Amino acid sequence: MNTFRLMLTASCALALAACSTTEGTNDTASTRAATAINKDPYPSTYRPYPGAPTALVGATVFDGAGGRIEGGTVLFDGGKVVAIGGADLAIPTGYTRVDGSGKFVTPGIIDIHSHLGDYPSPGVSAHSDGNEATDPTTPEVWAEHSVWPQDPGFSRALANGGITSLQILPGSANLMGGRSVTLKNVASRTIQGMKFPGAPYGMKMACGENPKRVYGGKGRMPSTRMGNLAVNRQTWLDAKADDGKKRNLATETLKGVLAGEILIQNHCYRADEMALVLDMAKEMGYKVAAFHHAVESYKIADLLKANDVCSAIWADWYGFKMESYDGIPENAAYLQNAGACVVIHSDDANGIQRLNQEAAKAQAAGRRVGIEIPDETVIRWLTLNAAKAMGIADLTGSLEPGKMADVVLWNGDPLSVYSRPEKVWIDGALMYDANDPKRRPVSDFELGQPGEGDVK
């Protein structure tokens, strides 16, 4: 049996579900008919793996929305959170009790900025499918069409980082890089089987050094920041003027943005450029959901708050190019102190496994300058705030009745470098258990290559 089949078999056995539950469809008739911008010709076929009625009891619960319950109880069944409360919360008959004494519970961790699947491991040129660096504006491309579901980064993010949902973005070579896709972090043979049901698309944009370097280096526009804005504005104007008589994939995405159906996720470092992008958004009639990387957000925290724009940031990356030189580790703390939306993101196959530690570093940096941010608020940076900026906050991101039962049981304080996920549920199904070898998902690379011996 080849290693892919072993990986798939192990993953399906892990979740106690038949593989057909996440198999994609091939309805070409409906695909051809899906010409409206608000209809997805490649819809999600995601179906939750089966779970069991579960009661997490005795743990410190961070609900993701800023609440904290000592000795709390979380009930979930049928893929949804049923109730959350204290030790006195009644547990219905038939629920499996999981003792969380001395441990911590959070919602599933969400990474708003990932390239898993588009830049999968191993990181070789044959796997480099995240940047369509052939034109400065490529809104017609979709990140999902490059995602490789077998990327071992997915299972590592689940096991080491408690990642239950993530947004896969095109790269930042282009001013308009194309559509993003939001995934549930489950094993599937098809990308449709991973697509988060009900999640809106995003569109990746980029400003600053990347597009002007890539295309200016080819002797074409844009080669300057003013060129960046000029190309962007003209592209929006052309889309607004399109009469729709002939189907155009790029225009469909742009019109989806203008209709508020597709969310803008904008790579941007400098504060002055973020302000210019906000002006352009008002001119053209769209809204920015989040600025990504945003190392200078602290300079315009009030402006970002007033425009209800999140900053998806690293804890302390800075200085690797000129536009990142004013990055400071206190960025998140100053944003939070101003009442702006903070999200901690990875943009990295290793960093996605330690978003909890990145958030803790940002919290500590704030403490050093006299800004105390409660743990329960910091957890929100990894859960509900990310969900908000991705347009899925009504479905996940916090432990509230009726929301998806995406839950992590940590073996210690999730903001400690010594803690890691002990159990992870996605839609109420136990997808990872550090204490059960049968519930530790593996990939081709953990299993080994042909000729390396039998897999135990």
Protein backbone atom coordinates (compact mmCIF):
# COMPACT_ATOMS: atom_id res chain seq x y z
CA MET A 1 0.00 0.00 0.00
CA ASN A 2 1.50 3.36 -0.96
CA THR A 3 2.08 6.06 1.62
CA PHE A 4 -0.77 8.30 0.48
CA ARG A 5 -3.25 5.49 0.99
CA LEU A 6 -1.75 4.79 4.39
CA MET A 7 -2.09 8.45 5.35
CA LEU A 8 -5.67 8.59 4.13
CA THR A 9 -6.60 5.33 5.83
CA ALA A 10 -5.04 6.45 9.10
CA SER A 11 -6.78 9.81 8.94
CA CYS A 12 -10.17 8.27 8.24
CA ALA A 13 -9.73 5.70 10.99
CA LEU A 14 -8.63 8.50 13.27
CA ALA A 15 -11.94 10.26 12.80
CA LEU A 16 -14.00 7.05 12.70
CA ALA A 17 -15.63 8.06 9.45
CA ALA A 18 -15.85 6.75 5.92
CA CYS A 19 -13.76 8.65 3.41
CA SER A 20 -16.84 9.20 1.26
CA THR A 21 -18.05 11.81 3.75
CA THR A 22 -15.52 14.29 2.41
CA GLU A 23 -15.34 13.22 -1.22
CA GLY A 24 -15.82 15.97 -3.80
CA THR A 25 -18.49 16.02 -6.49
CA ASN A 26 -18.16 16.53 -10.22
CA ASP A 27 -21.38 18.22 -11.23
CA THR A 28 -20.25 19.82 -14.48
CA ALA A 29 -23.73 21.02 -15.38
CA SER A 30 -24.06 23.07 -12.21
CA THR A 31 -20.48 24.27 -12.58
CA ARG A 32 -21.16 25.63 -16.06
CA ALA A 33 -24.34 27.27 -14.89
CA ALA A 34 -22.65 29.06 -11.97
CA THR A 35 -21.93 32.38 -13.65
CA ALA A 36 -23.17 34.73 -10.94
CA ILE A 37 -20.47 36.27 -8.78
CA ASN A 38 -22.18 35.13 -5.61
CA LYS A 39 -22.37 31.46 -6.63
CA ASP A 40 -19.39 29.19 -6.08
CA PRO A 41 -18.81 26.78 -8.99
CA TYR A 42 -16.62 24.70 -6.66
CA PRO A 43 -18.80 24.43 -3.54
CA SER A 44 -17.75 22.86 -0.28
CA THR A 45 -18.59 19.19 0.12
CA TYR A 46 -17.31 19.24 3.69
CA ARG A 47 -19.22 16.99 6.06
CA PRO A 48 -18.27 16.87 9.75
CA TYR A 49 -16.71 13.67 10.96
CA PRO A 50 -18.96 11.92 13.48
CA GLY A 51 -18.48 12.84 17.11
CA ALA A 52 -20.09 11.92 20.41
CA PRO A 53 -21.87 13.94 23.10
CA THR A 54 -19.00 15.29 25.20
CA ALA A 55 -18.66 17.18 28.47
CA LEU A 56 -15.34 18.87 29.28
CA VAL A 57 -15.35 19.43 33.02
CA GLY A 58 -13.09 21.05 35.60
CA ALA A 59 -10.84 23.07 33.28
CA THR A 60 -10.16 26.79 33.09
CA VAL A 61 -12.25 27.83 30.10
CA PHE A 62 -11.41 30.77 27.85
CA ASP A 63 -14.52 31.23 25.73
CA GLY A 64 -12.74 33.22 22.97
CA ALA A 65 -15.02 36.22 23.41
CA GLY A 66 -13.17 37.59 26.44
CA GLY A 67 -14.72 35.39 29.11
CA ARG A 68 -12.97 33.14 31.62
CA ILE A 69 -14.52 30.40 33.77
CA GLU A 70 -12.56 28.62 36.47
CA GLY A 71 -13.56 24.97 36.85
CA GLY A 72 -15.79 25.34 33.85
CA THR A 73 -17.93 22.96 31.84
CA VAL A 74 -18.32 22.84 28.07
CA LEU A 75 -20.97 20.64 26.48
CA PHE A 76 -21.10 19.79 22.79
CA ASP A 77 -23.12 17.40 20.68
CA GLY A 78 -24.14 17.05 17.05
CA GLY A 79 -21.15 19.11 15.97
CA LYS A 80 -22.27 22.18 17.94
CA VAL A 81 -21.60 23.74 21.31
CA VAL A 82 -24.64 22.99 23.47
CA ALA A 83 -23.81 24.95 26.63
CA ILE A 84 -20.96 26.51 28.59
CA GLY A 85 -20.91 27.30 32.28
CA GLY A 86 -19.48 26.55 35.70
CA ALA A 87 -19.21 23.37 37.72
CA ASP A 88 -22.94 23.53 38.44
CA LEU A 89 -23.91 23.19 34.77
CA ALA A 90 -26.09 20.09 34.43
CA ILE A 91 -24.67 17.35 32.20
CA PRO A 92 -27.30 15.42 30.26
CA THR A 93 -27.39 11.65 30.29
CA GLY A 94 -25.26 10.01 27.63
CA TYR A 95 -22.43 12.54 27.57
CA THR A 96 -18.85 11.30 27.76
CA ARG A 97 -17.03 13.19 30.50
CA VAL A 98 -13.48 14.41 29.86
CA ASP A 99 -11.68 15.52 33.02
CA GLY A 100 -9.95 18.84 32.45
CA SER A 101 -8.82 19.44 36.02
CA GLY A 102 -5.65 21.54 36.01
CA LYS A 103 -5.96 22.03 32.24
CA PHE A 104 -7.34 24.73 29.94
CA VAL A 105 -9.98 24.86 27.21
CA THR A 106 -10.13 27.33 24.32
CA PRO A 107 -11.98 27.51 21.03
CA GLY A 108 -10.10 26.04 18.10
CA ILE A 109 -7.21 28.26 17.04
CA ILE A 110 -7.70 30.07 13.72
CA ASP A 111 -4.89 31.24 11.45
CA ILE A 112 -6.05 34.07 9.22
CA HIS A 113 -2.86 34.07 7.12
CA SER A 114 -1.49 30.76 5.90
CA HIS A 115 -0.04 29.37 2.68
CA LEU A 116 -0.27 25.69 3.61
CA GLY A 117 -1.10 23.59 0.58
CA ASP A 118 -0.05 26.35 -1.82
CA TYR A 119 3.53 26.24 -0.53
CA PRO A 120 3.50 22.74 0.99
CA SER A 121 6.33 20.77 2.53
CA PRO A 122 8.86 19.90 1.33
CA GLY A 123 9.55 23.47 0.19
CA VAL A 124 10.77 22.83 -3.34
CA SER A 125 10.13 24.76 -6.54
CA ALA A 126 7.78 22.05 -7.82
CA HIS A 127 5.49 22.88 -4.88
CA SER A 128 5.66 26.68 -5.28
CA ASP A 129 2.10 27.50 -6.33
CA GLY A 130 1.14 30.56 -4.31
CA ASN A 131 2.14 33.49 -6.57
CA GLU A 132 0.88 33.90 -10.13
CA ALA A 133 3.68 36.39 -10.74
CA THR A 134 2.89 37.03 -14.39
CA ASP A 135 0.79 40.18 -14.04
CA PRO A 136 0.49 42.78 -11.28
CA THR A 137 -3.26 42.14 -10.95
CA THR A 138 -4.57 38.57 -11.02
CA PRO A 139 -7.92 38.61 -9.21
CA GLU A 140 -9.02 35.77 -11.47
CA VAL A 141 -6.87 33.12 -9.73
CA TRP A 142 -8.11 31.18 -6.71
CA ALA A 143 -5.79 29.87 -4.00
CA GLU A 144 -7.87 26.71 -3.61
CA HIS A 145 -6.87 25.57 -7.09
CA SER A 146 -3.28 25.21 -5.87
CA VAL A 147 -3.94 23.64 -2.45
CA TRP A 148 -2.44 20.15 -2.02
CA PRO A 149 -4.54 18.43 0.67
CA GLN A 150 -1.69 16.06 1.55
CA ASP A 151 0.55 18.85 2.83
CA PRO A 152 1.99 17.54 6.13
CA GLY A 153 1.75 21.07 7.46
CA PHE A 154 -1.98 20.59 8.05
CA SER A 155 -1.59 17.72 10.52
CA ARG A 156 1.34 19.43 12.25
CA ALA A 157 -0.73 22.60 12.68
CA LEU A 158 -3.53 20.52 14.20
CA ALA A 159 -1.36 18.54 16.60
CA ASN A 160 1.10 21.22 17.69
CA GLY A 161 -0.96 24.38 17.36
CA GLY A 162 -4.57 23.37 17.88
CA ILE A 163 -5.44 24.87 14.48
CA THR A 164 -9.01 23.98 13.50
CA SER A 165 -9.60 26.55 10.71
CA LEU A 166 -7.29 28.54 8.49
CA GLN A 167 -7.36 30.93 5.56
CA ILE A 168 -5.14 30.04 2.63
CA LEU A 169 -4.02 33.15 0.77
CA PRO A 170 -2.18 33.72 -2.51
CA GLY A 171 1.26 35.25 -2.11
CA SER A 172 2.10 38.95 -2.08
CA ALA A 173 3.94 39.42 -5.38
CA ASN A 174 0.85 41.00 -6.92
CA LEU A 175 -1.21 44.07 -6.17
CA MET A 176 -4.24 41.79 -6.49
CA GLY A 177 -3.18 38.23 -5.88
CA GLY A 178 -6.51 36.43 -6.22
CA ARG A 179 -9.09 34.74 -4.04
CA SER A 180 -8.32 33.17 -0.70
CA VAL A 181 -10.10 30.11 0.69
CA THR A 182 -11.02 29.20 4.26
CA LEU A 183 -10.55 25.56 5.28
CA LYS A 184 -11.44 23.28 8.14
CA ASN A 185 -8.29 21.46 9.20
CA VAL A 186 -9.45 17.94 8.41
CA ALA A 187 -8.06 15.15 6.26
CA SER A 188 -9.65 14.90 2.82
CA ARG A 189 -8.71 13.68 -0.63
CA THR A 190 -10.16 16.84 -2.16
CA ILE A 191 -9.96 20.53 -1.41
CA GLN A 192 -13.75 20.69 -1.62
CA GLY A 193 -13.84 18.29 1.31
CA MET A 194 -11.85 20.78 3.40
CA LYS A 195 -13.63 24.01 2.45
CA PHE A 196 -15.24 25.70 5.42
CA PRO A 197 -19.01 25.61 4.79
CA GLY A 198 -20.54 29.07 4.71
CA ALA A 199 -17.24 30.97 4.70
CA PRO A 200 -17.03 33.91 2.29
CA TYR A 201 -14.12 34.21 -0.08
CA GLY A 202 -11.40 36.75 0.52
CA MET A 203 -9.27 38.59 -2.00
CA LYS A 204 -5.59 39.08 -1.32
CA MET A 205 -4.12 42.47 -2.11
CA ALA A 206 -0.60 43.76 -1.48
CA CYS A 207 0.98 47.17 -1.31
CA GLY A 208 4.52 48.40 -0.83
CA GLU A 209 7.79 46.81 -1.78
CA ASN A 210 6.73 43.41 -3.09
CA PRO A 211 4.72 44.32 -6.21
CA LYS A 212 6.93 47.25 -7.19
CA ARG A 213 10.03 45.07 -6.86
CA VAL A 214 8.61 42.09 -8.75
CA TYR A 215 7.20 44.05 -11.69
CA GLY A 216 9.55 47.01 -11.68
CA GLY A 217 12.32 44.43 -11.83
CA LYS A 218 10.76 43.24 -15.07
CA GLY A 219 10.81 46.75 -16.52
CA ARG A 220 7.07 47.24 -16.29
CA MET A 221 4.55 49.11 -14.19
CA PRO A 222 4.37 49.35 -11.22
CA SER A 223 7.92 50.16 -10.23
CA THR A 224 6.99 52.74 -7.57
CA ARG A 225 4.44 53.14 -4.80
CA MET A 226 2.57 55.69 -6.88
CA GLY A 227 2.50 53.12 -9.65
CA ASN A 228 1.01 50.63 -7.22
CA LEU A 229 -1.92 52.91 -6.44
CA ALA A 230 -2.42 53.91 -10.07
CA VAL A 231 -2.66 50.31 -11.27
CA ASN A 232 -4.98 49.42 -8.41
CA ARG A 233 -7.34 52.35 -9.02
CA GLN A 234 -7.54 51.75 -12.75
CA THR A 235 -8.27 48.08 -12.21
CA TRP A 236 -11.15 48.94 -9.87
CA LEU A 237 -12.51 51.50 -12.33
CA ASP A 238 -12.38 48.98 -15.19
CA ALA A 239 -14.26 46.44 -13.09
CA LYS A 240 -16.95 48.96 -12.15
CA ALA A 241 -17.38 49.85 -15.84
CA ASP A 242 -17.67 46.22 -17.01
CA ASP A 243 -21.22 45.65 -18.32
CA GLY A 244 -21.11 41.91 -17.59
CA LYS A 245 -22.13 40.84 -21.09
CA LYS A 246 -19.13 38.56 -21.34
CA ARG A 247 -18.00 36.43 -18.43
CA ASN A 248 -14.67 37.58 -16.98
CA LEU A 249 -13.18 35.77 -13.98
CA ALA A 250 -11.18 38.76 -12.78
CA THR A 251 -14.18 41.07 -12.95
CA GLU A 252 -16.36 38.52 -11.12
CA THR A 253 -14.00 38.59 -8.15
CA LEU A 254 -13.75 42.38 -8.14
CA LYS A 255 -17.50 42.84 -8.40
CA GLY A 256 -17.88 40.36 -5.56
CA VAL A 257 -15.68 42.61 -3.45
CA LEU A 258 -17.67 45.71 -4.41
CA ALA A 259 -20.90 43.87 -3.51
CA GLY A 260 -19.51 43.06 -0.07
CA GLU A 261 -19.51 39.31 -0.73
CA ILE A 262 -15.71 38.90 -0.90
CA LEU A 263 -13.53 40.28 1.90
CA ILE A 264 -10.31 42.20 1.27
CA GLN A 265 -7.24 40.82 3.06
CA ASN A 266 -4.51 43.39 2.40
CA HIS A 267 -0.78 42.76 2.85
CA CYS A 268 0.58 46.14 4.00
CA TYR A 269 3.43 47.18 6.31
CA ARG A 270 3.59 50.96 6.51
CA ALA A 271 1.03 53.14 8.28
CA ASP A 272 0.98 55.76 5.52
CA GLU A 273 0.18 53.10 2.91
CA MET A 274 -2.58 51.60 5.02
CA ALA A 275 -4.13 55.07 5.24
CA LEU A 276 -3.89 55.45 1.43
CA VAL A 277 -5.53 52.05 0.93
CA LEU A 278 -8.40 53.10 3.22
CA ASP A 279 -8.85 56.22 1.09
CA MET A 280 -8.87 54.11 -2.09
CA ALA A 281 -11.40 51.72 -0.54
CA LYS A 282 -13.73 54.63 0.20
CA GLU A 283 -13.25 56.01 -3.31
CA MET A 284 -14.06 52.67 -4.97
CA GLY A 285 -16.73 51.50 -2.53
CA TYR A 286 -15.29 48.48 -0.75
CA LYS A 287 -14.13 47.68 2.79
CA VAL A 288 -10.83 46.28 4.03
CA ALA A 289 -11.40 43.40 6.46
CA ALA A 290 -7.80 43.24 7.68
CA PHE A 291 -4.33 44.56 7.03
CA HIS A 292 -1.84 41.70 7.19
CA HIS A 293 1.64 41.98 8.70
CA ALA A 294 0.81 45.62 9.45
CA VAL A 295 3.98 46.24 11.46
CA GLU A 296 3.18 49.97 11.72
CA SER A 297 -0.48 49.63 12.74
CA TYR A 298 0.35 51.11 16.13
CA LYS A 299 0.90 54.48 14.41
CA ILE A 300 -2.70 54.64 13.19
CA ALA A 301 -4.54 52.55 15.79
CA ASP A 302 -7.29 55.16 16.10
CA LEU A 303 -7.83 55.24 12.33
CA LEU A 304 -8.04 51.45 12.15
CA LYS A 305 -10.52 51.36 15.01
CA ALA A 306 -12.67 54.05 13.39
CA ASN A 307 -12.77 52.07 10.14
CA ASP A 308 -13.34 48.72 11.89
CA VAL A 309 -10.27 47.16 10.28
CA CYS A 310 -8.36 44.35 11.99
CA SER A 311 -4.57 44.11 12.06
CA ALA A 312 -3.30 40.58 11.47
CA ILE A 313 0.26 40.76 12.77
CA TRP A 314 3.31 38.89 13.94
CA ALA A 315 4.43 39.24 17.52
CA ASP A 316 7.90 40.57 16.75
CA TRP A 317 9.08 40.04 13.16
CA TYR A 318 10.73 43.19 11.85
CA GLY A 319 13.74 44.58 10.00
CA PHE A 320 13.96 42.05 7.16
CA LYS A 321 13.21 44.77 4.57
CA MET A 322 12.99 48.54 4.71
CA GLU A 323 9.21 48.74 5.10
CA SER A 324 9.44 46.50 8.16
CA TYR A 325 12.03 48.56 10.05
CA ASP A 326 9.54 50.39 12.24
CA GLY A 327 8.00 47.17 13.51
CA ILE A 328 7.88 46.98 17.31
CA PRO A 329 6.99 44.09 19.66
CA GLU A 330 4.47 46.34 21.43
CA ASN A 331 2.35 46.68 18.26
CA ALA A 332 -0.44 44.37 19.46
CA ALA A 333 -0.54 45.93 22.90
CA TYR A 334 -0.88 49.49 21.58
CA LEU A 335 -3.61 48.38 19.19
CA GLN A 336 -5.50 46.60 21.96
CA ASN A 337 -5.08 49.58 24.26
CA ALA A 338 -6.67 51.79 21.59
CA GLY A 339 -9.61 49.42 21.21
CA ALA A 340 -8.60 48.23 17.73
CA CYS A 341 -8.96 44.65 16.49
CA VAL A 342 -5.85 42.47 16.93
CA VAL A 343 -5.20 39.13 15.24
CA ILE A 344 -2.01 37.08 15.56
CA HIS A 345 -1.17 35.31 12.31
CA SER A 346 1.59 33.01 11.09
CA ASP A 347 2.42 33.37 7.36
CA ASP A 348 4.69 30.43 8.10
CA ALA A 349 4.47 26.62 8.18
CA ASN A 350 6.36 26.53 11.48
CA GLY A 351 4.82 29.59 13.09
CA ILE A 352 1.31 28.19 12.63
CA GLN A 353 2.28 25.49 15.13
CA ARG A 354 2.99 28.07 17.85
CA LEU A 355 0.48 30.89 17.48
CA ASN A 356 -0.30 30.59 21.18
CA GLN A 357 3.33 31.34 22.02
CA GLU A 358 3.40 34.26 19.58
CA ALA A 359 0.37 35.76 21.30
CA ALA A 360 2.04 35.31 24.68
CA LYS A 361 5.14 37.16 23.43
CA ALA A 362 3.00 40.07 22.26
CA GLN A 363 1.21 40.13 25.62
CA ALA A 364 4.56 40.18 27.47
CA ALA A 365 5.82 43.06 25.30
CA GLY A 366 2.78 45.07 26.34
CA ARG A 367 3.35 44.30 29.99
CA ARG A 368 6.89 45.67 29.73
CA VAL A 369 5.52 49.08 28.70
CA GLY A 370 2.80 49.07 31.31
CA ILE A 371 -0.12 47.70 29.28
CA GLU A 372 -1.70 44.74 31.07
CA ILE A 373 -3.82 42.60 28.76
CA PRO A 374 -5.80 39.77 30.41
CA ASP A 375 -5.20 36.24 29.19
CA GLU A 376 -8.83 35.89 28.13
CA THR A 377 -8.42 38.91 25.84
CA VAL A 378 -5.22 37.56 24.33
CA ILE A 379 -6.95 34.28 23.45
CA ARG A 380 -9.43 36.34 21.44
CA TRP A 381 -6.53 37.39 19.17
CA LEU A 382 -6.27 33.75 18.06
CA THR A 383 -9.96 32.91 17.85
CA LEU A 384 -12.91 35.30 17.60
CA ASN A 385 -11.01 38.27 16.14
CA ALA A 386 -9.59 36.08 13.38
CA ALA A 387 -13.06 34.67 12.71
CA LYS A 388 -14.47 38.20 12.51
CA ALA A 389 -11.94 39.31 9.90
CA MET A 390 -12.62 36.13 7.88
CA GLY A 391 -16.40 36.54 7.98
CA ILE A 392 -17.05 33.38 10.00
CA ALA A 393 -17.58 34.79 13.50
CA ASP A 394 -21.21 33.70 13.51
CA LEU A 395 -20.08 30.10 12.98
CA THR A 396 -16.89 29.64 15.00
CA GLY A 397 -14.23 31.50 17.01
CA SER A 398 -15.93 31.35 20.42
CA LEU A 399 -17.55 28.76 22.66
CA GLU A 400 -21.17 29.79 22.36
CA PRO A 401 -24.28 27.61 22.04
CA GLY A 402 -25.04 26.86 18.41
CA LYS A 403 -21.54 27.52 17.11
CA MET A 404 -19.28 24.80 15.68
CA ALA A 405 -17.75 22.65 18.38
CA ASP A 406 -14.15 23.53 17.45
CA VAL A 407 -12.44 23.02 20.80
CA VAL A 408 -8.92 22.55 22.18
CA LEU A 409 -8.03 20.99 25.53
CA TRP A 410 -4.55 22.20 26.50
CA ASN A 411 -2.37 20.29 28.98
CA GLY A 412 -1.51 23.60 30.67
CA ASP A 413 -1.85 27.35 30.31
CA PRO A 414 -2.12 27.94 26.53
CA LEU A 415 -0.01 31.10 26.90
CA SER A 416 2.89 29.12 28.33
CA VAL A 417 5.76 27.87 26.21
CA TYR A 418 5.50 24.56 28.07
CA SER A 419 1.89 23.84 27.03
CA ARG A 420 0.53 22.11 23.97
CA PRO A 421 -2.77 20.67 22.78
CA GLU A 422 -3.81 17.43 24.46
CA LYS A 423 -7.03 16.95 22.52
CA VAL A 424 -8.55 18.78 19.56
CA TRP A 425 -12.14 18.50 18.39
CA ILE A 426 -13.42 19.82 15.06
CA ASP A 427 -17.20 20.02 14.81
CA GLY A 428 -17.33 17.90 17.93
CA ALA A 429 -15.26 15.06 16.44
CA LEU A 430 -12.06 14.15 18.26
CA MET A 431 -9.44 14.71 15.58
CA TYR A 432 -6.30 14.66 17.75
CA ASP A 433 -5.44 13.03 21.06
CA ALA A 434 -1.86 13.21 22.32
CA ASN A 435 -2.52 10.15 24.49
CA ASP A 436 -3.92 7.93 21.72
CA PRO A 437 -1.61 6.87 18.85
CA LYS A 438 -4.68 6.13 16.71
CA ARG A 439 -5.69 9.76 16.90
CA ARG A 440 -2.42 11.34 15.86
CA PRO A 441 -2.75 12.21 12.17
CA VAL A 442 0.27 11.52 10.02
CA SER A 443 1.32 12.34 6.48
CA ASP A 444 3.41 10.72 3.77
CA PHE A 445 6.57 12.22 5.25
CA GLU A 446 6.03 10.91 8.76
CA LEU A 447 5.18 7.48 7.30
CA GLY A 448 8.31 7.40 5.17
CA GLN A 449 8.99 6.76 1.52
CA PRO A 450 8.83 3.50 -0.46
CA GLY A 451 11.70 1.20 0.45
CA GLU A 452 12.27 2.70 3.90
CA GLY A 453 10.71 -0.25 5.71
CA ASP A 454 7.33 -1.26 7.03
CA VAL A 455 5.12 1.32 8.66
CA LYS A 456 4.25 0.36 12.24
